[in-house]
């Protein structure tokens, strides 16, 4: 099969073509595993972090990709939930032990044996991949393959972030940053909490205007203050500045949920502006999101189908993966980038 393989980590500035199109053996499903013929795979900012060495350890060489949609091509022994031809998706979580206290409580993303798709095991930048059946998800008919792919990461982690806010209908919600995850959060918030107004903080006027078009009550720059104190804010940026500014926008007892796998070291100086009295006092909270559980993905796919939520997409062929990643790095975003295998 054809696959795009990462053999070593490097800056895209130094190596703008880090992935090599290679012929490799098609994997064989093991016990309770599915072989998936991949149709599409979304391109995520996390792939940039993997390629440029900001996430470690990473098992090299590896086939990246964790927003995968395809059809079941073969089933291993013991598979009971899927049959040949079923359309399924795969997200960031590939496997966990299933026995530890985190797994037993539905928080398998904290399991010591957690495996990430496209980082610890081969992912979806390929014509085929295998996955344990417990971490494969039926895709609702409402979505095309390409529309469904971003929901498996950007949408699902946005769903988990929204759940972690503890928001009640009518509570004002803030969003810092307005990329692929935040605009999906806005759409689902309007569905789940129709009486809640959403306030968006974004750097560019284009992003702020897009937020208003999607139904944001107000949109301002990162450093601006919302017209009301906010019950909860979800931060979707890789920077520290929006975190500090968001805390200043929280109401008493408010909660900031940080939906980011990492924060850039370059703007840590901004943390010197953190004031206990202004930003944290009066029981304001900060909560991070590790990633998404299998339950999050299943629940969000169901919600997205009912609410008719889908991402805007921009399609590339598999051999254009390096181009898609470079455009993502440079901020050339016309929609979530999705690789087509066929």
Protein backbone atom coordinates (compact mmCIF):
# COMPACT_ATOMS: atom_id res chain seq x y z
CA UNK A 1 0.00 0.00 0.00
CA UNK A 2 0.97 3.65 -0.37
CA UNK A 3 1.68 5.65 2.79
CA UNK A 4 3.23 8.95 3.80
CA UNK A 5 5.91 8.14 6.39
CA UNK A 6 7.74 10.35 8.89
CA UNK A 7 11.26 9.02 9.46
CA UNK A 8 12.74 11.86 11.53
CA UNK A 9 11.52 15.02 13.19
CA UNK A 10 12.57 18.38 11.79
CA UNK A 11 11.37 21.94 11.40
CA UNK A 12 9.29 22.54 8.28
CA UNK A 13 11.38 25.67 7.74
CA UNK A 14 14.42 23.41 7.36
CA UNK A 15 12.63 20.54 5.63
CA UNK A 16 9.33 21.49 3.95
CA UNK A 17 8.81 17.88 2.79
CA UNK A 18 9.21 15.79 5.96
CA UNK A 19 6.89 12.98 4.82
CA UNK A 20 7.97 10.44 2.20
CA UNK A 21 5.48 8.68 -0.09
CA UNK A 22 6.46 5.02 0.32
CA UNK A 23 5.22 1.55 -0.62
CA UNK A 24 4.84 -0.56 2.53
CA UNK A 25 3.16 -3.85 3.37
CA UNK A 26 -0.56 -3.71 4.03
CA UNK A 27 -1.15 -4.44 7.74
CA UNK A 28 -2.99 -7.55 8.90
CA UNK A 29 -5.66 -7.24 11.62
CA UNK A 30 -5.00 -9.07 14.87
CA UNK A 31 -7.50 -10.40 17.37
CA UNK A 32 -10.43 -7.99 17.87
CA UNK A 33 -8.98 -5.64 15.26
CA UNK A 34 -10.32 -4.18 12.01
CA UNK A 35 -8.46 -3.57 8.78
CA UNK A 36 -9.74 -0.31 7.34
CA UNK A 37 -9.44 0.76 3.73
CA UNK A 38 -8.89 4.46 4.31
CA UNK A 39 -10.98 6.91 2.31
CA UNK A 40 -9.89 10.20 3.89
CA UNK A 41 -7.72 11.47 6.72
CA UNK A 42 -7.90 14.94 8.22
CA UNK A 43 -4.74 17.00 8.69
CA UNK A 44 -4.41 18.25 12.28
CA UNK A 45 -2.15 20.84 13.92
CA UNK A 46 -0.97 18.02 16.20
CA UNK A 47 0.78 16.50 13.18
CA UNK A 48 2.88 19.66 12.94
CA UNK A 49 3.82 19.28 16.61
CA UNK A 50 4.81 15.65 16.00
CA UNK A 51 6.83 16.41 12.86
CA UNK A 52 8.66 19.36 14.40
CA UNK A 53 9.51 17.46 17.58
CA UNK A 54 7.30 19.28 20.08
CA UNK A 55 5.55 16.07 21.14
CA UNK A 56 7.60 13.21 22.52
CA UNK A 57 8.20 10.40 22.64
CA UNK A 58 7.11 9.49 19.12
CA UNK A 59 7.70 6.06 17.60
CA UNK A 60 9.67 6.50 14.37
CA UNK A 61 9.26 5.71 11.56
CA UNK A 62 5.53 6.35 11.77
CA UNK A 63 2.57 6.98 9.49
CA UNK A 64 0.80 10.08 10.92
CA UNK A 65 -2.91 10.83 10.88
CA UNK A 66 -5.67 10.49 13.47
CA UNK A 67 -8.84 11.79 11.78
CA UNK A 68 -9.54 8.71 9.69
CA UNK A 69 -12.65 7.59 7.81
CA UNK A 70 -12.88 4.43 5.72
CA UNK A 71 -14.54 1.05 5.21
CA UNK A 72 -13.94 -2.22 7.01
CA UNK A 73 -11.91 -4.37 4.61
CA UNK A 74 -11.20 -7.32 6.93
CA UNK A 75 -12.00 -8.33 10.51
CA UNK A 76 -9.77 -10.17 12.94
CA UNK A 77 -10.89 -13.03 15.14
CA UNK A 78 -13.29 -12.08 17.90
CA UNK A 79 -14.72 -9.00 16.22
CA UNK A 80 -18.44 -8.74 16.92
CA UNK A 81 -19.45 -5.11 16.44
CA UNK A 82 -18.53 -4.53 12.78
CA UNK A 83 -18.78 -6.32 9.45
CA UNK A 84 -17.16 -5.98 6.05
CA UNK A 85 -18.10 -2.75 4.30
CA UNK A 86 -19.11 -0.82 7.42
CA UNK A 87 -18.06 2.84 7.37
CA UNK A 88 -15.97 3.68 10.43
CA UNK A 89 -13.81 6.43 11.87
CA UNK A 90 -10.67 6.45 14.00
CA UNK A 91 -9.54 9.26 16.33
CA UNK A 92 -6.46 10.12 18.40
CA UNK A 93 -7.09 7.39 20.98
CA UNK A 94 -5.96 4.05 19.53
CA UNK A 95 -5.90 1.86 22.65
CA UNK A 96 -5.68 1.79 26.45
CA UNK A 97 -5.32 -0.98 29.02
CA UNK A 98 -9.00 -1.12 29.99
CA UNK A 99 -8.16 -2.14 33.58
CA UNK A 100 -6.67 0.84 35.45
CA UNK A 101 -8.72 3.30 37.53
CA UNK A 102 -8.74 5.80 34.67
CA UNK A 103 -10.04 3.29 32.16
CA UNK A 104 -12.65 2.00 34.60
CA UNK A 105 -13.92 5.54 35.19
CA UNK A 106 -14.15 6.38 31.46
CA UNK A 107 -10.99 8.51 31.45
CA UNK A 108 -8.81 6.18 29.43
CA UNK A 109 -6.94 9.16 27.96
CA UNK A 110 -5.05 9.25 31.30
CA UNK A 111 -4.10 5.55 31.14
CA UNK A 112 -0.37 4.82 31.41
CA UNK A 113 -0.73 2.41 28.46
CA UNK A 114 -2.54 4.93 26.26
CA UNK A 115 -1.56 4.71 22.58
CA UNK A 116 -2.09 7.61 20.17
CA UNK A 117 -3.00 7.02 16.53
CA UNK A 118 -0.32 8.32 14.18
CA UNK A 119 2.18 8.82 17.02
CA UNK A 120 2.61 5.55 18.92
CA UNK A 121 1.16 3.39 16.12
CA UNK A 122 0.64 3.91 12.42
CA UNK A 123 -2.23 6.19 11.46
CA UNK A 124 -4.30 7.23 8.49
CA UNK A 125 -1.95 8.92 6.00
CA UNK A 126 -2.12 5.61 4.15
CA UNK A 127 -4.40 3.43 2.06
CA UNK A 128 -4.98 0.96 4.92
CA UNK A 129 -4.66 0.86 8.70
CA UNK A 130 -5.68 -1.42 11.57
CA UNK A 131 -7.46 -0.44 14.79
CA UNK A 132 -8.96 -2.28 17.80
CA UNK A 133 -12.71 -2.50 17.25
CA UNK A 134 -13.35 -0.75 20.59
CA UNK A 135 -11.78 2.40 19.17
CA UNK A 136 -13.55 2.42 15.82
CA UNK A 137 -16.73 4.48 15.45
CA UNK A 138 -19.72 4.18 13.16
CA UNK A 139 -20.13 7.30 11.02
CA UNK A 140 -23.68 8.73 10.74
CA UNK A 141 -25.07 8.73 7.21
CA UNK A 142 -25.57 12.51 7.28
CA UNK A 143 -21.86 13.15 6.71
CA UNK A 144 -19.67 12.56 3.68
CA UNK A 145 -16.34 10.92 4.48
CA UNK A 146 -14.51 14.25 4.19
CA UNK A 147 -17.04 16.08 6.36
CA UNK A 148 -16.79 13.42 9.07
CA UNK A 149 -12.99 13.33 9.35
CA UNK A 150 -12.48 16.62 11.30
CA UNK A 151 -15.25 15.66 13.72
CA UNK A 152 -13.05 12.83 15.04
CA UNK A 153 -10.57 15.28 16.57
CA UNK A 154 -11.32 19.01 16.31
CA UNK A 155 -15.03 18.45 16.86
CA UNK A 156 -14.77 15.77 19.53
CA UNK A 157 -12.17 17.57 21.63
CA UNK A 158 -14.32 20.68 21.38
CA UNK A 159 -17.23 18.60 22.67
CA UNK A 160 -15.18 17.37 25.64
CA UNK A 161 -14.06 20.92 26.38
CA UNK A 162 -17.65 22.16 26.34
CA UNK A 163 -18.70 19.34 28.68
CA UNK A 164 -15.87 20.22 31.10
CA UNK A 165 -17.01 23.86 31.39
CA UNK A 166 -20.01 22.81 33.50
CA UNK A 167 -22.05 25.34 31.53
CA UNK A 168 -25.80 25.63 32.07
CA UNK A 169 -28.18 26.98 29.45
CA UNK A 170 -28.16 30.75 29.70
CA UNK A 171 -24.60 31.03 31.05
CA UNK A 172 -22.35 33.26 28.89
CA UNK A 173 -19.52 31.34 27.18
CA UNK A 174 -16.23 32.66 25.82
CA UNK A 175 -13.95 31.19 23.15
CA UNK A 176 -10.32 32.27 22.72
CA UNK A 177 -8.95 31.57 19.26
CA UNK A 178 -11.25 30.72 16.39
CA UNK A 179 -9.71 27.91 14.37
CA UNK A 180 -11.01 24.49 13.36
CA UNK A 181 -12.07 23.42 16.86
CA UNK A 182 -13.55 26.70 18.15
CA UNK A 183 -15.95 27.24 15.27
CA UNK A 184 -17.34 23.74 15.83
CA UNK A 185 -17.67 24.49 19.56
CA UNK A 186 -19.68 27.59 18.70
CA UNK A 187 -22.03 25.54 16.54
CA UNK A 188 -22.56 22.86 19.19
CA UNK A 189 -22.94 25.44 21.99
CA UNK A 190 -25.74 27.13 20.09
CA UNK A 191 -27.45 23.73 19.79
CA UNK A 192 -26.89 22.49 23.37
CA UNK A 193 -27.33 25.84 25.12
CA UNK A 194 -29.64 27.96 22.93
CA UNK A 195 -30.06 30.64 25.63
CA UNK A 196 -26.32 31.08 26.18
CA UNK A 197 -24.57 33.94 24.39
CA UNK A 198 -21.10 33.25 22.97
CA UNK A 199 -18.25 35.78 23.06
CA UNK A 200 -15.20 35.23 20.85
CA UNK A 201 -11.64 36.53 21.26
CA UNK A 202 -9.51 36.28 18.11
CA UNK A 203 -6.48 38.02 16.65
CA UNK A 204 -7.69 38.68 13.11
CA UNK A 205 -10.65 40.67 11.89
CA UNK A 206 -11.43 37.86 9.46
CA UNK A 207 -11.79 35.37 12.31
CA UNK A 208 -13.93 37.77 14.33
CA UNK A 209 -16.23 38.40 11.38
CA UNK A 210 -16.54 34.65 10.75
CA UNK A 211 -17.49 34.14 14.41
CA UNK A 212 -20.28 36.70 14.11
CA UNK A 213 -21.53 35.04 10.94
CA UNK A 214 -21.79 31.76 12.86
CA UNK A 215 -23.83 33.39 15.62
CA UNK A 216 -21.37 34.88 18.13
CA UNK A 217 -22.99 37.68 20.15
CA UNK A 218 -19.71 39.62 20.29
CA UNK A 219 -16.20 39.23 18.90
CA UNK A 220 -13.11 41.17 19.93
CA UNK A 221 -9.35 41.06 20.04
CA UNK A 222 -7.51 38.80 22.49
CA UNK A 223 -6.77 41.72 24.84
CA UNK A 224 -10.29 43.17 24.83
CA UNK A 225 -12.82 42.72 27.60
CA UNK A 226 -16.20 41.15 26.89
CA UNK A 227 -19.24 43.29 27.74
CA UNK A 228 -20.20 40.77 30.48
CA UNK A 229 -18.26 38.55 32.90
CA UNK A 230 -18.17 35.02 31.51
CA UNK A 231 -19.20 31.83 33.31
CA UNK A 232 -16.73 29.75 31.28
CA UNK A 233 -14.13 30.20 28.56
CA UNK A 234 -12.58 27.58 26.27
CA UNK A 235 -9.05 28.35 25.08
CA UNK A 236 -8.07 26.69 21.78
CA UNK A 237 -4.74 28.45 21.17
CA UNK A 238 -1.13 27.21 21.49
CA UNK A 239 -0.11 30.41 23.34
CA UNK A 240 -0.03 31.71 26.94
CA UNK A 241 -1.20 35.26 26.30
CA UNK A 242 -4.83 34.25 25.58
CA UNK A 243 -4.88 32.21 28.81
CA UNK A 244 -3.95 35.20 30.97
CA UNK A 245 -6.37 37.49 29.13
CA UNK A 246 -9.17 34.91 29.36
CA UNK A 247 -8.82 34.65 33.15
CA UNK A 248 -9.45 38.39 33.39
CA UNK A 249 -12.74 37.88 31.54
CA UNK A 250 -14.07 35.19 33.91
CA UNK A 251 -16.84 35.83 36.40
CA UNK A 252 -16.41 34.84 40.05
CA UNK A 253 -16.27 31.05 40.26
CA UNK A 254 -15.79 30.85 36.49
CA UNK A 255 -13.80 28.12 34.75
CA UNK A 256 -11.21 28.30 32.00
CA UNK A 257 -10.85 25.06 30.01
CA UNK A 258 -7.60 24.84 28.07
CA UNK A 259 -8.15 22.79 24.91
CA UNK A 260 -4.56 22.55 23.68
CA UNK A 261 -2.03 19.73 23.67
CA UNK A 262 0.85 22.15 24.29
CA UNK A 263 1.72 25.81 24.85
CA UNK A 264 4.50 27.68 23.07
CA UNK A 265 7.60 28.44 25.12
CA UNK A 266 8.20 31.70 23.28
CA UNK A 267 5.52 33.72 25.05
CA UNK A 268 5.96 32.38 28.59
CA UNK A 269 7.14 35.88 29.49
CA UNK A 270 3.50 36.86 29.34
CA UNK A 271 2.88 34.78 32.46
CA UNK A 272 4.66 37.54 34.40
CA UNK A 273 1.47 39.54 33.89
CA UNK A 274 -0.51 36.97 35.88
CA UNK A 275 -1.99 38.59 38.97
CA UNK A 276 -3.53 36.44 41.68
CA UNK A 277 -6.07 39.12 42.62
CA UNK A 278 -7.10 39.96 39.07
CA UNK A 279 -6.96 36.56 37.40
CA UNK A 280 -7.39 33.76 39.97
CA UNK A 281 -8.98 35.09 43.13
CA UNK A 282 -12.65 34.45 43.94
CA UNK A 283 -12.48 30.75 43.06
CA UNK A 284 -11.75 31.01 39.37
CA UNK A 285 -10.60 27.65 37.98
CA UNK A 286 -8.26 26.37 35.27
CA UNK A 287 -8.79 22.89 33.81
CA UNK A 288 -6.81 21.26 31.01
CA UNK A 289 -8.06 18.77 28.43
CA UNK A 290 -5.80 15.74 27.96
CA UNK A 291 -7.64 14.55 24.86
CA UNK A 292 -10.80 12.67 23.94
CA UNK A 293 -12.26 9.40 25.14
CA UNK A 294 -14.08 6.86 23.00
CA UNK A 295 -17.31 7.97 24.65
CA UNK A 296 -16.67 11.62 23.66
CA UNK A 297 -16.31 10.66 20.00
CA UNK A 298 -19.45 8.52 19.95
CA UNK A 299 -21.55 11.14 21.74
CA UNK A 300 -20.29 13.98 19.59
CA UNK A 301 -20.88 12.16 16.29
CA UNK A 302 -24.47 11.59 17.39
CA UNK A 303 -24.89 15.23 18.44
CA UNK A 304 -23.27 16.53 15.25
CA UNK A 305 -25.63 14.48 13.08
CA UNK A 306 -28.69 15.67 15.00
CA UNK A 307 -27.57 19.31 14.97
CA UNK A 308 -26.30 19.14 11.37
CA UNK A 309 -22.83 20.27 12.47
CA UNK A 310 -19.97 19.78 10.05
CA UNK A 311 -16.67 21.46 9.26
CA UNK A 312 -15.72 23.41 6.16
CA UNK A 313 -13.08 21.36 4.35
CA UNK A 314 -10.31 21.72 1.80
CA UNK A 315 -9.27 18.54 0.02
CA UNK A 316 -5.81 17.31 -1.00
CA UNK A 317 -4.52 14.04 -2.43
CA UNK A 318 -2.36 11.75 -0.26
CA UNK A 319 0.83 12.76 -2.09
CA UNK A 320 0.04 16.41 -1.33
CA UNK A 321 0.26 15.85 2.45
CA UNK A 322 3.44 17.93 2.76
CA UNK A 323 1.78 20.83 0.97
CA UNK A 324 -1.25 20.64 3.24
CA UNK A 325 0.96 20.63 6.34
CA UNK A 326 3.02 23.58 5.09
CA UNK A 327 -0.12 25.61 4.39
CA UNK A 328 -1.39 24.79 7.87
CA UNK A 329 1.95 25.90 9.32
CA UNK A 330 1.75 29.19 7.40
CA UNK A 331 -1.83 29.85 8.50
CA UNK A 332 -3.33 29.35 5.03
CA UNK A 333 -6.60 27.94 6.30
CA UNK A 334 -9.65 27.85 4.04
CA UNK A 335 -11.18 24.98 5.95
CA UNK A 336 -9.99 21.80 7.65
CA UNK A 337 -7.51 20.10 5.34
CA UNK A 338 -8.43 16.55 4.41
CA UNK A 339 -6.35 14.00 2.45
CA UNK A 340 -8.19 11.87 -0.12
CA UNK A 341 -6.80 8.37 -0.64
CA UNK A 342 -8.82 7.40 -3.71
